[in-house]
N, C-alpha and C. Protein backbone atom coordinates (compact mmCIF):
# COMPACT_ATOMS: atom_id res chain seq x y z
N MET A 1 3.07 -57.04 57.02
CA MET A 1 3.94 -57.93 56.18
C MET A 1 2.67 -57.93 54.74
N VAL A 2 3.64 -58.44 53.64
CA VAL A 2 2.94 -57.99 52.58
C VAL A 2 2.24 -59.32 52.30
N GLU A 3 1.04 -58.96 51.58
CA GLU A 3 0.50 -60.01 51.26
C GLU A 3 -0.09 -59.52 49.65
N GLY A 4 -0.85 -61.17 49.19
CA GLY A 4 -1.34 -61.22 47.76
C GLY A 4 -0.16 -61.54 47.26
N LYS A 5 -0.43 -60.40 45.60
CA LYS A 5 0.03 -60.87 44.59
C LYS A 5 1.79 -60.06 44.59
N TYR A 6 1.65 -59.28 45.59
CA TYR A 6 3.16 -58.41 46.42
C TYR A 6 3.90 -59.20 47.25
N SER A 7 3.47 -60.65 47.65
CA SER A 7 4.14 -61.19 48.56
C SER A 7 5.40 -61.55 48.47
N LEU A 8 6.25 -61.55 49.24
CA LEU A 8 7.58 -62.07 49.42
C LEU A 8 7.93 -63.28 48.18
N GLU A 9 7.11 -64.21 48.84
CA GLU A 9 7.39 -65.73 47.68
C GLU A 9 6.45 -65.35 46.61
N ILE A 10 6.01 -64.69 46.13
CA ILE A 10 5.12 -64.46 44.57
C ILE A 10 6.36 -63.64 44.12
N LEU A 11 7.22 -62.51 44.62
CA LEU A 11 7.88 -61.43 44.39
C LEU A 11 9.29 -62.83 44.20
N SER A 12 9.68 -63.61 44.72
CA SER A 12 10.74 -63.99 44.26
C SER A 12 10.35 -64.79 43.19
N GLN A 13 9.08 -65.52 43.36
CA GLN A 13 9.00 -66.68 42.25
C GLN A 13 9.33 -65.97 40.82
N LYS A 14 8.77 -64.62 40.73
CA LYS A 14 9.05 -64.26 39.27
C LYS A 14 10.17 -63.23 39.55
N ILE A 15 10.75 -63.40 40.31
CA ILE A 15 12.44 -62.85 40.20
C ILE A 15 13.24 -64.54 39.27
N LYS A 16 13.00 -65.25 39.64
CA LYS A 16 13.41 -66.66 39.30
C LYS A 16 12.88 -66.88 38.21
N LEU A 17 11.55 -66.47 37.74
CA LEU A 17 11.12 -67.12 36.40
C LEU A 17 11.57 -65.35 35.28
N ALA A 18 11.85 -64.50 35.48
CA ALA A 18 12.94 -63.40 35.22
C ALA A 18 14.34 -63.82 34.82
N TYR A 19 14.85 -64.29 35.54
CA TYR A 19 16.07 -65.03 35.00
C TYR A 19 16.06 -66.58 34.06
N THR A 20 14.81 -67.10 33.91
CA THR A 20 14.67 -68.04 33.20
C THR A 20 14.62 -67.52 32.19
N HIS A 21 13.82 -66.72 31.53
CA HIS A 21 13.64 -66.07 30.54
C HIS A 21 15.03 -65.29 29.66
N LEU A 22 15.95 -64.85 30.84
CA LEU A 22 17.38 -64.13 30.42
C LEU A 22 18.22 -65.40 29.75
N SER A 23 17.93 -66.41 30.72
CA SER A 23 18.84 -67.74 30.07
C SER A 23 18.83 -68.40 28.74
N GLN A 24 17.79 -68.35 28.67
CA GLN A 24 17.12 -68.95 27.22
C GLN A 24 16.13 -67.23 26.74
N CYS A 25 16.69 -66.57 26.13
CA CYS A 25 15.94 -65.26 25.99
C CYS A 25 14.57 -65.77 25.12
N ASN A 26 13.73 -64.97 25.48
CA ASN A 26 12.35 -65.37 25.14
C ASN A 26 11.39 -63.95 25.37
N LEU A 27 11.65 -62.76 25.87
CA LEU A 27 11.52 -61.84 26.27
C LEU A 27 10.56 -61.21 25.36
N CYS A 28 10.84 -61.77 24.06
CA CYS A 28 9.66 -60.76 22.96
C CYS A 28 9.43 -61.42 21.51
N PRO A 29 8.96 -61.62 20.61
CA PRO A 29 8.04 -62.88 19.74
C PRO A 29 9.40 -63.48 18.78
N ARG A 30 10.61 -62.58 18.91
CA ARG A 30 11.93 -63.37 18.38
C ARG A 30 12.26 -64.53 18.92
N GLU A 31 12.14 -64.87 19.77
CA GLU A 31 12.38 -66.00 20.87
C GLU A 31 13.98 -66.33 20.14
N CYS A 32 15.17 -65.42 20.62
CA CYS A 32 16.33 -65.57 19.80
C CYS A 32 17.06 -67.00 20.82
N MET A 33 16.47 -67.29 22.07
CA MET A 33 17.03 -68.41 23.05
C MET A 33 18.65 -67.75 23.28
N VAL A 34 19.18 -66.53 22.94
CA VAL A 34 20.50 -66.45 23.61
C VAL A 34 20.47 -66.35 25.46
N ASN A 35 21.59 -66.83 25.73
CA ASN A 35 21.82 -66.57 27.03
C ASN A 35 22.46 -64.94 27.51
N ARG A 36 21.90 -64.38 27.94
CA ARG A 36 22.04 -62.93 28.05
C ARG A 36 22.52 -62.71 29.65
N LEU A 37 22.40 -64.00 30.05
CA LEU A 37 23.42 -63.70 31.60
C LEU A 37 24.72 -63.74 31.37
N LYS A 38 24.96 -65.17 30.40
CA LYS A 38 26.39 -64.91 30.25
C LYS A 38 26.94 -64.05 29.10
N GLY A 39 26.76 -62.99 29.05
CA GLY A 39 26.91 -62.00 27.86
C GLY A 39 26.50 -61.76 26.30
N GLU A 40 25.54 -63.31 26.14
CA GLU A 40 25.20 -63.54 24.79
C GLU A 40 24.25 -62.06 24.59
N LYS A 41 24.14 -61.86 22.97
CA LYS A 41 23.20 -61.02 22.69
C LYS A 41 22.51 -61.72 21.74
N GLY A 42 21.28 -61.07 21.41
CA GLY A 42 20.19 -61.35 20.56
C GLY A 42 19.94 -60.25 19.56
N TYR A 43 19.48 -60.74 18.65
CA TYR A 43 18.60 -59.81 17.52
C TYR A 43 18.70 -58.21 18.23
N CYS A 44 18.23 -58.23 19.28
CA CYS A 44 17.89 -56.95 19.83
C CYS A 44 19.35 -56.19 20.10
N GLY A 45 20.67 -56.82 20.30
CA GLY A 45 21.83 -56.26 20.60
C GLY A 45 22.20 -56.01 22.17
N MET A 46 21.04 -56.43 22.93
CA MET A 46 21.20 -56.45 24.28
C MET A 46 21.64 -57.43 25.22
N ASP A 47 22.25 -57.47 26.37
CA ASP A 47 22.65 -58.68 27.21
C ASP A 47 21.68 -58.27 28.56
N ALA A 48 22.16 -58.69 29.53
CA ALA A 48 21.35 -58.78 30.73
C ALA A 48 21.38 -57.69 31.36
N GLU A 49 22.15 -56.56 31.09
CA GLU A 49 22.43 -55.37 32.00
C GLU A 49 21.38 -54.38 31.50
N LEU A 50 21.38 -53.54 32.67
CA LEU A 50 20.22 -52.24 32.63
C LEU A 50 20.53 -51.20 31.83
N TYR A 51 20.35 -50.39 30.98
CA TYR A 51 20.70 -49.68 30.71
C TYR A 51 19.39 -48.48 30.09
N ILE A 52 19.76 -47.42 30.52
CA ILE A 52 19.22 -45.77 30.64
C ILE A 52 19.48 -44.70 29.67
N SER A 53 18.52 -44.60 28.81
CA SER A 53 18.84 -43.42 28.06
C SER A 53 18.67 -42.19 28.68
N SER A 54 17.38 -42.24 29.46
CA SER A 54 17.05 -41.10 30.04
C SER A 54 15.92 -41.28 31.35
N PHE A 55 15.21 -40.23 32.12
CA PHE A 55 14.21 -40.11 32.93
C PHE A 55 13.87 -39.30 33.51
N GLY A 56 12.73 -38.89 33.98
CA GLY A 56 12.64 -37.85 34.88
C GLY A 56 11.04 -37.56 34.68
N PRO A 57 10.36 -36.50 34.78
CA PRO A 57 9.21 -36.33 34.83
C PRO A 57 8.62 -36.15 33.74
N HIS A 58 7.47 -36.65 32.88
CA HIS A 58 7.20 -36.19 31.87
C HIS A 58 5.68 -35.57 31.99
N PHE A 59 5.41 -34.80 31.08
CA PHE A 59 3.53 -34.05 30.92
C PHE A 59 3.30 -34.26 29.63
N GLY A 60 3.34 -35.13 29.22
CA GLY A 60 2.94 -35.25 27.72
C GLY A 60 1.82 -36.16 27.54
N GLU A 61 1.16 -36.33 28.97
CA GLU A 61 0.35 -37.23 28.64
C GLU A 61 -1.19 -36.53 29.14
N GLU A 62 -2.04 -36.94 29.26
CA GLU A 62 -3.62 -36.48 30.16
C GLU A 62 -3.43 -35.59 31.40
N PRO A 63 -3.80 -35.05 31.76
CA PRO A 63 -3.79 -34.66 32.99
C PRO A 63 -3.93 -35.18 34.34
N GLU A 64 -4.79 -36.19 34.32
CA GLU A 64 -5.47 -36.96 35.12
C GLU A 64 -3.78 -37.56 35.62
N LEU A 65 -3.19 -38.14 34.54
CA LEU A 65 -1.98 -38.78 34.73
C LEU A 65 -0.82 -38.22 34.87
N VAL A 66 -0.75 -37.02 34.33
CA VAL A 66 0.47 -36.14 34.88
C VAL A 66 0.39 -35.19 36.17
N GLY A 67 -0.46 -34.96 36.52
CA GLY A 67 -0.62 -33.75 38.22
C GLY A 67 -0.02 -33.04 37.95
N ARG A 68 0.57 -32.61 39.00
CA ARG A 68 1.47 -31.52 39.32
C ARG A 68 3.05 -31.47 38.54
N GLY A 69 3.34 -32.79 38.85
CA GLY A 69 4.60 -33.06 39.17
C GLY A 69 5.32 -34.00 37.83
N GLY A 70 4.24 -34.28 36.91
CA GLY A 70 4.63 -35.26 35.41
C GLY A 70 4.38 -36.58 35.94
N SER A 71 3.82 -37.41 35.20
CA SER A 71 4.38 -39.02 35.65
C SER A 71 5.69 -39.19 35.04
N GLY A 72 6.16 -40.38 35.71
CA GLY A 72 7.66 -40.69 35.67
C GLY A 72 7.91 -41.42 34.34
N THR A 73 8.94 -41.15 33.89
CA THR A 73 9.32 -41.64 32.21
C THR A 73 10.65 -42.00 32.78
N ILE A 74 10.47 -43.50 32.26
CA ILE A 74 12.31 -44.32 32.51
C ILE A 74 12.28 -44.71 30.70
N PHE A 75 13.38 -44.14 29.84
CA PHE A 75 13.18 -44.47 28.77
C PHE A 75 14.84 -45.73 28.65
N LEU A 76 14.27 -46.74 28.34
CA LEU A 76 15.26 -48.02 28.57
C LEU A 76 15.91 -48.13 27.11
N THR A 77 17.15 -48.46 26.75
CA THR A 77 17.90 -48.62 25.26
C THR A 77 17.78 -49.86 24.62
N GLY A 78 17.69 -49.75 23.50
CA GLY A 78 17.62 -51.06 22.97
C GLY A 78 16.14 -51.63 22.27
N CYS A 79 16.05 -51.76 21.55
CA CYS A 79 14.48 -52.41 20.61
C CYS A 79 14.72 -53.35 19.79
N ASN A 80 13.83 -54.36 19.61
CA ASN A 80 14.07 -55.24 18.48
C ASN A 80 13.05 -54.93 17.22
N LEU A 81 12.49 -54.19 17.29
CA LEU A 81 11.20 -53.80 16.43
C LEU A 81 11.74 -53.55 14.88
N LYS A 82 12.84 -52.70 15.05
CA LYS A 82 13.35 -52.07 13.94
C LYS A 82 12.37 -51.45 12.82
N CYS A 83 11.42 -50.50 13.37
CA CYS A 83 10.32 -49.96 12.97
C CYS A 83 11.32 -48.62 11.47
N VAL A 84 10.83 -48.44 10.41
CA VAL A 84 11.49 -47.79 9.60
C VAL A 84 11.32 -46.18 9.78
N PHE A 85 10.33 -45.85 10.56
CA PHE A 85 10.49 -44.55 10.97
C PHE A 85 10.03 -44.10 12.62
N CYS A 86 11.23 -44.98 13.22
CA CYS A 86 11.25 -45.53 14.59
C CYS A 86 11.56 -43.75 15.14
N GLN A 87 10.52 -43.34 16.20
CA GLN A 87 10.66 -41.60 16.76
C GLN A 87 11.70 -41.77 17.34
N ASN A 88 12.33 -42.74 18.27
CA ASN A 88 13.36 -42.63 19.11
C ASN A 88 14.85 -43.34 18.48
N TYR A 89 14.82 -43.27 17.44
CA TYR A 89 15.90 -44.21 16.91
C TYR A 89 17.14 -44.31 17.71
N GLU A 90 17.81 -42.83 18.19
CA GLU A 90 18.98 -43.06 18.33
C GLU A 90 19.04 -44.02 20.42
N ILE A 91 17.64 -43.73 20.85
CA ILE A 91 17.67 -44.62 21.88
C ILE A 91 17.40 -46.39 21.92
N SER A 92 16.37 -46.74 20.68
CA SER A 92 16.40 -47.56 20.14
C SER A 92 17.41 -48.22 19.53
N HIS A 93 17.92 -47.66 18.39
CA HIS A 93 18.92 -48.45 17.57
C HIS A 93 20.26 -48.73 17.94
N LEU A 94 20.49 -47.10 18.30
CA LEU A 94 22.05 -46.63 18.76
C LEU A 94 22.50 -47.28 20.18
N ARG A 95 21.45 -47.20 20.72
CA ARG A 95 21.83 -48.18 21.96
C ARG A 95 22.08 -46.80 22.95
N ILE A 96 21.91 -45.66 22.87
CA ILE A 96 23.07 -44.62 23.57
C ILE A 96 22.12 -44.53 25.04
N GLY A 97 23.23 -44.79 25.87
CA GLY A 97 22.77 -44.56 27.31
C GLY A 97 23.67 -45.63 28.36
N ARG A 98 23.38 -45.09 29.51
CA ARG A 98 24.48 -45.46 30.28
C ARG A 98 23.68 -46.74 31.46
N LYS A 99 24.48 -47.38 32.11
CA LYS A 99 24.50 -48.66 32.21
C LYS A 99 23.75 -48.06 33.97
N TYR A 100 23.05 -49.17 34.11
CA TYR A 100 22.47 -48.90 35.60
C TYR A 100 22.36 -49.92 36.82
N THR A 101 22.47 -50.09 37.99
CA THR A 101 22.07 -51.07 38.53
C THR A 101 20.70 -51.20 39.16
N VAL A 102 20.26 -52.07 39.55
CA VAL A 102 19.19 -52.41 40.12
C VAL A 102 18.78 -51.25 41.04
N GLU A 103 19.98 -51.11 42.37
CA GLU A 103 19.43 -50.30 43.24
C GLU A 103 19.38 -49.15 42.63
N GLU A 104 20.02 -48.14 41.64
CA GLU A 104 20.28 -47.09 41.15
C GLU A 104 19.02 -46.87 40.15
N LEU A 105 18.06 -47.95 39.25
CA LEU A 105 16.97 -47.86 39.03
C LEU A 105 15.28 -47.90 40.31
N VAL A 106 15.64 -48.24 41.18
CA VAL A 106 15.00 -48.00 42.59
C VAL A 106 14.88 -46.66 43.07
N ASP A 107 16.20 -46.10 43.09
CA ASP A 107 16.01 -44.59 43.50
C ASP A 107 15.76 -43.64 42.82
N ILE A 108 16.02 -44.01 41.40
CA ILE A 108 15.05 -43.20 39.98
C ILE A 108 13.48 -43.49 40.41
N MET A 109 13.12 -44.18 40.43
CA MET A 109 11.85 -44.74 40.56
C MET A 109 10.96 -44.11 42.13
């Protein structure tokens, strides 16, 4: 049985809280309050679906973090910061990526 901060009860509470945030979106400082669960899109242009641009091993960190196989990297699409010199413009602003299910994300991880 899992105890502590990862108990099923606590994880269930965290899932409910996440859905609350999605129904009146305040996940970022813009707090646009749209209902992403009903397909509404806020300033970021994202709904409640999960879009991933790319994933895989990453070797650009310190050796202690990378190890032999690389650290895992998952690039989600969409961003609300709108930085003028964004290094990931295609991912962040053009939202290039594919929709994934939660189960597919688990397999990636």
